[in-house]
Amino acid sequence: MAFYDSLFDGLGLRNWCDASETKGPMSMAELLKKSKEAGSADHSILDAPFPSLDALHDACQAVPRTRELTSGIENGFLYIRVALKTVLDPLTQPLSWILDFSLWVVEVVPWWALVGALLLIVYVASRSWKILAFVASVLFLFGFIDHLHHALQTMVIVFSCTLICIATGIPIGIVMSKSKRMERLTIPVLDMLQTLPSFVYLIPLIFLFSVTESKLYGIAIILYAIVPVIRLTNLGIRMVDGSVGEAADAFGMDRWQKLFKVEMPLALPSIMAGVNQTIMMSLSMVVIASLVSAPGLGVLVLRGINNLELGVGLIAGFGIVLLAIMFDRVSKASMARINSTLQPRERGH
């Protein structure tokens, strides 16, 4: 790092750099480095390494190293960990109750009652015998290979987290559509949540909550899956034709009547598309959340990876694919049915 040595010398910062240098016996690597730098007379800028923290630290001990930066971030997080946990624990405890109750239902209620209720929900949502037959065949396949219990666990986790995403995300999207300032503040947060790798969501949560708490994986699933429903709710309401809003104003509607009777019905296809994407992202995160004690098919995938059981991992992975197709078909069919019921009303207006 002779180039940066000469740079700090030229700036007159050598005393500041040497003030932080720790005195002590030099290692063999440091002696070899010093002798190599002493033998090289030319310090060309072409040979200069990238000015990283480690490279600058070698030339000036006052500059912190990369590991000191990362350890400083870790120590700062651990310093505020107790305060964060004190605030977040009571706020997130209802999430643990919801997830624990959903999983308790799967454990206590007989399988035939759960399957019957699920098929009834599918028919009410889609009104399609084809989709009902497809869902029934998928559930029969899960039962045939002894994966029905794990599949039901995965489904109740996805249902619970998706309902929370919808109940939280749609109001946020509505507020974003009505306030440009709220949109400017929220979009960077949504961009960050959407671009963070899935595993990164688990890192701070592991330090905040116990692995045995359901809210650990529940928060990770919600943070990962809530983005589409917020974005598409905001987009759907903003794309409502301005002339429709003017007509609602002419009829004397206030802003709440205009929102719930005009804008929300017209934006419903976009909102339902966001719900569909939220369901898919919840399902994908459930598999990753199995690393932190989330039950379901993800546990079997993790077992196949850890124990090198190829068949177990492949069958569980294929089961997750079937669940994703099932959720997608049901949500799209319900969206198409809602759109078809709304179209005659729009023509009547």
Protein backbone atom coordinates (compact mmCIF):
# COMPACT_ATOMS: atom_id res chain seq x y z
CA MET A 1 0.00 0.00 0.00
CA ALA A 2 2.95 2.29 -0.70
CA PHE A 3 0.76 4.52 -2.87
CA TYR A 4 -1.56 5.35 0.04
CA ASP A 5 1.43 5.74 2.39
CA SER A 6 2.77 8.47 0.15
CA LEU A 7 -0.75 9.93 -0.21
CA PHE A 8 -1.22 10.31 3.54
CA ASP A 9 2.34 11.67 3.84
CA GLY A 10 1.64 14.23 1.12
CA LEU A 11 -1.53 15.36 2.89
CA GLY A 12 0.38 15.81 6.13
CA LEU A 13 -1.68 13.23 7.99
CA ARG A 14 1.15 10.91 9.03
CA ASN A 15 1.08 11.99 12.68
CA TRP A 16 -2.68 11.40 12.82
CA CYS A 17 -2.26 7.98 11.24
CA ASP A 18 0.61 6.92 13.50
CA ALA A 19 -1.21 8.12 16.61
CA SER A 20 -3.63 5.19 16.28
CA GLU A 21 -0.97 2.60 15.45
CA THR A 22 -0.61 -0.10 18.04
CA LYS A 23 2.99 -0.68 19.09
CA GLY A 24 4.14 -4.25 19.46
CA PRO A 25 6.15 -7.00 17.79
CA MET A 26 5.60 -7.20 14.04
CA SER A 27 4.44 -10.41 12.45
CA MET A 28 6.34 -12.10 9.65
CA ALA A 29 3.74 -10.98 7.11
CA GLU A 30 4.11 -7.36 8.22
CA LEU A 31 7.92 -7.59 8.03
CA LEU A 32 7.75 -9.02 4.49
CA LYS A 33 5.29 -6.30 3.47
CA LYS A 34 7.52 -3.56 4.85
CA SER A 35 10.59 -4.94 3.09
CA LYS A 36 8.69 -5.26 -0.19
CA GLU A 37 7.42 -1.67 0.05
CA ALA A 38 10.90 -0.42 0.90
CA GLY A 39 12.36 -2.15 -2.16
CA SER A 40 9.84 -0.56 -4.56
CA ALA A 41 10.84 3.00 -5.33
CA ASP A 42 8.08 3.84 -7.83
CA HIS A 43 4.55 4.39 -6.52
CA SER A 44 2.53 4.69 -9.70
CA ILE A 45 -1.16 5.48 -9.56
CA LEU A 46 -1.64 2.68 -12.07
CA ASP A 47 -0.60 0.17 -9.41
CA ALA A 48 -2.81 1.66 -6.70
CA PRO A 49 -5.42 -0.75 -5.28
CA PHE A 50 -9.04 0.25 -4.80
CA PRO A 51 -9.30 2.58 -1.77
CA SER A 52 -11.19 0.10 0.40
CA LEU A 53 -11.22 0.39 4.17
CA ASP A 54 -8.73 -2.46 4.57
CA ALA A 55 -6.34 -0.97 1.99
CA LEU A 56 -6.49 2.47 3.64
CA HIS A 57 -6.07 0.92 7.08
CA ASP A 58 -2.82 -0.74 6.00
CA ALA A 59 -1.46 2.70 5.14
CA CYS A 60 -3.12 4.60 8.01
CA GLN A 61 -4.04 2.89 11.28
CA ALA A 62 -6.59 5.62 12.11
CA VAL A 63 -8.89 4.39 9.29
CA PRO A 64 -11.18 1.60 10.55
CA ARG A 65 -11.17 -1.81 8.90
CA THR A 66 -14.20 -3.42 7.29
CA ARG A 67 -14.61 -5.88 10.14
CA GLU A 68 -14.68 -2.97 12.59
CA LEU A 69 -17.50 -1.39 10.56
CA THR A 70 -19.56 -4.60 10.54
CA SER A 71 -18.91 -5.26 14.23
CA GLY A 72 -19.95 -1.67 14.96
CA ILE A 73 -23.28 -2.21 13.17
CA GLU A 74 -23.78 -5.46 15.08
CA ASN A 75 -22.97 -3.85 18.43
CA GLY A 76 -25.31 -0.94 17.64
CA PHE A 77 -28.16 -3.34 16.84
CA LEU A 78 -27.51 -5.34 20.02
CA TYR A 79 -27.47 -2.10 22.00
CA ILE A 80 -31.01 -1.18 20.90
CA ARG A 81 -32.20 -4.80 20.84
CA VAL A 82 -33.76 -4.73 24.30
CA ALA A 83 -35.67 -1.50 23.59
CA LEU A 84 -36.86 -2.83 20.21
CA LYS A 85 -37.99 -6.10 21.74
CA THR A 86 -39.86 -4.26 24.51
CA VAL A 87 -41.81 -2.28 21.89
CA LEU A 88 -42.31 -5.01 19.28
CA ASP A 89 -43.21 -7.90 21.59
CA PRO A 90 -46.70 -6.65 22.59
CA LEU A 91 -47.39 -5.33 19.07
CA THR A 92 -46.56 -8.62 17.37
CA GLN A 93 -47.95 -11.01 19.97
CA PRO A 94 -51.40 -11.19 18.26
CA LEU A 95 -49.61 -12.56 15.19
CA SER A 96 -48.26 -15.44 17.29
CA TRP A 97 -51.76 -16.10 18.65
CA ILE A 98 -53.27 -16.17 15.14
CA LEU A 99 -50.61 -18.53 13.76
CA ASP A 100 -50.65 -20.78 16.82
CA PHE A 101 -54.45 -21.00 16.72
CA SER A 102 -54.40 -21.83 12.98
CA LEU A 103 -51.87 -24.61 13.51
CA TRP A 104 -53.83 -25.84 16.55
CA VAL A 105 -56.94 -26.15 14.37
CA VAL A 106 -54.99 -28.36 11.95
CA GLU A 107 -53.87 -30.56 14.84
CA VAL A 108 -57.29 -30.89 16.52
CA VAL A 109 -59.92 -30.87 13.77
CA PRO A 110 -60.31 -34.15 11.82
CA TRP A 111 -58.79 -34.17 8.36
CA TRP A 112 -62.12 -34.80 6.62
CA ALA A 113 -63.66 -31.70 8.25
CA LEU A 114 -60.71 -29.53 7.21
CA VAL A 115 -60.74 -30.86 3.65
CA GLY A 116 -64.51 -30.41 3.41
CA ALA A 117 -64.32 -26.83 4.67
CA LEU A 118 -61.48 -26.10 2.26
CA LEU A 119 -63.40 -27.48 -0.72
CA LEU A 120 -66.46 -25.45 0.29
CA ILE A 121 -64.35 -22.27 0.39
CA VAL A 122 -62.88 -23.10 -3.01
CA TYR A 123 -66.31 -23.56 -4.58
CA VAL A 124 -67.73 -20.38 -3.02
CA ALA A 125 -64.72 -18.39 -4.23
CA SER A 126 -64.47 -19.82 -7.75
CA ARG A 127 -67.93 -21.29 -8.52
CA SER A 128 -66.10 -23.68 -10.83
CA TRP A 129 -66.51 -27.47 -10.70
CA LYS A 130 -63.29 -27.88 -12.68
CA ILE A 131 -61.21 -26.01 -10.12
CA LEU A 132 -63.01 -27.82 -7.30
CA ALA A 133 -62.13 -31.18 -8.89
CA PHE A 134 -58.50 -30.07 -9.35
CA VAL A 135 -58.19 -28.99 -5.70
CA ALA A 136 -59.82 -32.22 -4.51
CA SER A 137 -57.43 -34.32 -6.60
CA VAL A 138 -54.42 -32.38 -5.25
CA LEU A 139 -55.57 -32.90 -1.67
CA PHE A 140 -56.19 -36.59 -2.38
CA LEU A 141 -52.64 -36.86 -3.73
CA PHE A 142 -51.25 -35.22 -0.60
CA GLY A 143 -53.18 -37.66 1.57
CA PHE A 144 -52.08 -40.63 -0.54
CA ILE A 145 -48.38 -39.85 0.03
CA ASP A 146 -48.87 -38.90 3.73
CA HIS A 147 -48.18 -35.21 3.09
CA LEU A 148 -51.70 -33.91 3.78
CA HIS A 149 -50.91 -32.75 7.32
CA HIS A 150 -47.84 -30.79 6.19
CA ALA A 151 -49.77 -29.31 3.26
CA LEU A 152 -52.59 -28.15 5.54
CA GLN A 153 -50.05 -26.54 7.88
CA THR A 154 -48.54 -24.65 4.95
CA MET A 155 -51.99 -23.56 3.77
CA VAL A 156 -53.15 -22.18 7.13
CA ILE A 157 -49.90 -20.22 7.52
CA VAL A 158 -50.34 -18.76 4.03
CA PHE A 159 -54.02 -17.94 4.68
CA SER A 160 -53.26 -16.25 8.01
CA CYS A 161 -50.37 -14.17 6.72
CA THR A 162 -52.23 -13.26 3.51
CA LEU A 163 -55.26 -12.02 5.45
CA ILE A 164 -52.99 -9.83 7.59
CA CYS A 165 -51.25 -8.54 4.45
CA ILE A 166 -54.62 -7.66 2.88
CA ALA A 167 -55.95 -6.01 6.06
CA THR A 168 -52.77 -3.94 6.38
CA GLY A 169 -51.69 -3.45 2.77
CA ILE A 170 -54.95 -2.23 1.20
CA PRO A 171 -55.36 0.70 3.65
CA ILE A 172 -51.72 1.67 3.11
CA GLY A 173 -52.25 1.56 -0.66
CA ILE A 174 -55.38 3.71 -0.34
CA VAL A 175 -53.51 6.32 1.71
CA MET A 176 -50.68 6.27 -0.85
CA SER A 177 -53.13 6.87 -3.68
CA LYS A 178 -54.56 9.92 -1.91
CA SER A 179 -51.29 11.49 -0.74
CA LYS A 180 -48.26 12.13 -2.92
CA ARG A 181 -46.13 12.74 0.16
CA MET A 182 -47.12 9.35 1.59
CA GLU A 183 -46.29 7.76 -1.76
CA ARG A 184 -42.84 9.38 -1.85
CA LEU A 185 -42.12 8.16 1.68
CA THR A 186 -43.46 4.64 1.18
CA ILE A 187 -42.02 3.72 -2.22
CA PRO A 188 -38.35 3.58 -1.03
CA VAL A 189 -39.41 1.27 1.82
CA LEU A 190 -41.33 -0.96 -0.60
CA ASP A 191 -38.35 -1.02 -2.98
CA MET A 192 -36.10 -2.12 -0.13
CA LEU A 193 -38.52 -4.85 0.99
CA GLN A 194 -38.91 -6.09 -2.58
CA THR A 195 -35.19 -6.24 -3.38
CA LEU A 196 -33.87 -7.68 -0.10
CA PRO A 197 -32.94 -11.37 -0.45
CA SER A 198 -35.38 -13.65 1.33
CA PHE A 199 -32.87 -14.91 3.89
CA VAL A 200 -31.96 -11.37 4.97
CA TYR A 201 -35.43 -10.91 6.48
CA LEU A 202 -34.60 -13.59 9.04
CA ILE A 203 -31.30 -12.11 10.30
CA PRO A 204 -32.57 -9.25 12.53
CA LEU A 205 -35.67 -11.21 13.57
CA ILE A 206 -33.57 -14.07 14.97
CA PHE A 207 -31.88 -11.60 17.32
CA LEU A 208 -35.21 -10.07 18.39
CA PHE A 209 -37.44 -13.11 18.92
CA SER A 210 -37.08 -16.67 20.05
CA VAL A 211 -36.98 -19.38 17.39
CA THR A 212 -39.90 -21.08 19.15
CA GLU A 213 -42.18 -18.05 18.62
CA SER A 214 -44.47 -18.18 15.59
CA LYS A 215 -44.22 -14.44 15.02
CA LEU A 216 -40.57 -14.87 14.03
CA TYR A 217 -41.47 -16.44 10.69
CA GLY A 218 -44.84 -14.68 10.53
CA ILE A 219 -43.24 -11.22 10.45
CA ALA A 220 -40.76 -12.36 7.79
CA ILE A 221 -43.58 -13.70 5.59
CA ILE A 222 -45.69 -10.55 5.98
CA LEU A 223 -42.82 -8.15 5.26
CA TYR A 224 -41.86 -10.14 2.17
CA ALA A 225 -45.39 -10.62 0.79
CA ILE A 226 -47.14 -7.34 1.60
CA VAL A 227 -45.45 -5.30 -1.14
CA PRO A 228 -47.59 -6.36 -4.18
CA VAL A 229 -50.95 -5.65 -2.55
CA ILE A 230 -49.79 -2.18 -1.47
CA ARG A 231 -48.36 -1.29 -4.88
CA LEU A 232 -51.28 -2.56 -6.93
CA THR A 233 -53.89 -1.00 -4.64
CA ASN A 234 -52.17 2.36 -5.06
CA LEU A 235 -51.83 1.84 -8.82
CA GLY A 236 -55.43 0.67 -9.29
CA ILE A 237 -56.98 3.66 -7.51
CA ARG A 238 -54.68 6.14 -9.27
CA MET A 239 -55.63 4.68 -12.67
CA VAL A 240 -59.37 5.27 -12.17
CA ASP A 241 -60.57 7.61 -14.90
CA GLY A 242 -60.71 11.20 -13.71
CA SER A 243 -64.06 11.77 -15.42
CA VAL A 244 -65.59 9.09 -13.18
CA GLY A 245 -64.43 11.00 -10.13
CA GLU A 246 -65.86 14.22 -11.54
CA ALA A 247 -69.20 12.50 -12.11
CA ALA A 248 -69.18 11.25 -8.51
CA ASP A 249 -68.49 14.79 -7.32
CA ALA A 250 -71.35 16.05 -9.45
CA PHE A 251 -73.69 13.59 -7.72
CA GLY A 252 -72.67 15.07 -4.37
CA MET A 253 -70.64 12.15 -3.04
CA ASP A 254 -68.16 12.84 -0.27
CA ARG A 255 -64.64 11.39 -0.47
CA TRP A 256 -65.51 8.23 1.48
CA GLN A 257 -68.54 7.48 -0.69
CA LYS A 258 -66.49 8.11 -3.80
CA LEU A 259 -63.73 5.80 -2.54
CA PHE A 260 -65.90 2.84 -1.54
CA LYS A 261 -68.68 3.12 -4.15
CA VAL A 262 -66.71 4.25 -7.21
CA GLU A 263 -62.94 4.00 -6.98
CA MET A 264 -62.55 0.72 -5.07
CA PRO A 265 -64.93 -1.27 -7.33
CA LEU A 266 -63.13 0.04 -10.44
CA ALA A 267 -59.70 -0.68 -8.92
CA LEU A 268 -60.74 -4.14 -7.71
CA PRO A 269 -59.11 -6.10 -10.61
CA SER A 270 -55.77 -4.47 -9.82
CA ILE A 271 -56.22 -5.08 -6.09
CA MET A 272 -57.08 -8.74 -6.69
CA ALA A 273 -53.99 -9.13 -8.83
CA GLY A 274 -51.99 -7.78 -5.89
CA VAL A 275 -53.69 -10.29 -3.58
CA ASN A 276 -52.78 -13.10 -5.99
CA GLN A 277 -49.11 -12.06 -5.97
CA THR A 278 -49.16 -11.73 -2.18
CA ILE A 279 -50.41 -15.32 -1.86
CA MET A 280 -47.64 -16.57 -4.14
CA MET A 281 -44.94 -14.67 -2.26
CA SER A 282 -46.28 -15.87 1.10
CA LEU A 283 -46.03 -19.44 -0.11
CA SER A 284 -42.46 -18.99 -1.31
CA MET A 285 -41.41 -17.41 2.00
CA VAL A 286 -43.02 -20.22 4.03
CA VAL A 287 -40.44 -22.61 2.59
CA ILE A 288 -37.53 -20.36 3.59
CA ALA A 289 -39.12 -19.73 7.00
CA SER A 290 -38.80 -23.46 7.73
CA LEU A 291 -35.21 -22.61 8.68
CA VAL A 292 -36.65 -20.87 11.76
CA SER A 293 -39.16 -23.53 12.85
CA ALA A 294 -42.04 -22.78 10.43
CA PRO A 295 -43.94 -26.07 9.98
CA GLY A 296 -45.29 -27.45 6.73
CA LEU A 297 -43.88 -28.76 3.49
CA GLY A 298 -40.82 -26.53 3.86
CA VAL A 299 -39.67 -28.75 6.73
CA LEU A 300 -39.59 -31.73 4.36
CA VAL A 301 -37.64 -29.74 1.77
CA LEU A 302 -35.14 -28.73 4.47
CA ARG A 303 -34.90 -32.35 5.62
CA GLY A 304 -34.16 -33.47 2.09
CA ILE A 305 -31.33 -30.91 1.84
CA ASN A 306 -29.82 -31.62 5.27
CA ASN A 307 -29.97 -35.42 5.04
CA LEU A 308 -29.37 -35.63 1.27
CA GLU A 309 -32.71 -37.41 0.86
CA LEU A 310 -33.39 -36.67 -2.79
CA GLY A 311 -36.86 -38.26 -2.94
CA VAL A 312 -38.16 -36.47 0.16
CA GLY A 313 -36.97 -33.07 -1.09
CA LEU A 314 -38.28 -33.54 -4.63
CA ILE A 315 -41.72 -34.77 -3.57
CA ALA A 316 -42.12 -31.94 -1.06
CA GLY A 317 -40.94 -29.42 -3.65
CA PHE A 318 -43.42 -30.79 -6.19
CA GLY A 319 -46.14 -30.52 -3.54
CA ILE A 320 -45.31 -26.84 -3.05
CA VAL A 321 -45.61 -26.34 -6.80
CA LEU A 322 -49.06 -27.95 -6.73
CA LEU A 323 -50.09 -25.69 -3.85
CA ALA A 324 -48.93 -22.65 -5.80
CA ILE A 325 -50.93 -23.73 -8.87
CA MET A 326 -53.97 -24.39 -6.69
CA PHE A 327 -53.79 -20.96 -5.03
CA ASP A 328 -53.25 -19.28 -8.38
CA ARG A 329 -56.20 -20.97 -10.08
CA VAL A 330 -58.61 -20.29 -7.22
CA SER A 331 -57.59 -16.64 -6.81
CA LYS A 332 -57.79 -15.97 -10.57
CA ALA A 333 -61.17 -17.66 -10.86
CA SER A 334 -62.55 -15.62 -7.97
CA MET A 335 -61.13 -12.45 -9.54
CA ALA A 336 -62.76 -13.26 -12.89
CA ARG A 337 -66.08 -13.93 -11.16
CA ILE A 338 -65.93 -10.62 -9.29
CA ASN A 339 -65.09 -8.77 -12.51
CA SER A 340 -68.02 -10.38 -14.32
CA THR A 341 -70.43 -9.31 -11.57
CA LEU A 342 -69.09 -5.75 -11.60
CA GLN A 343 -69.31 -5.25 -15.38
CA PRO A 344 -73.15 -5.11 -15.57
CA ARG A 345 -73.19 -2.53 -12.76
CA GLU A 346 -70.66 -0.39 -14.62
CA ARG A 347 -72.79 -0.57 -17.79
CA GLY A 348 -75.84 0.42 -15.74
CA HIS A 349 -74.05 3.51 -14.44
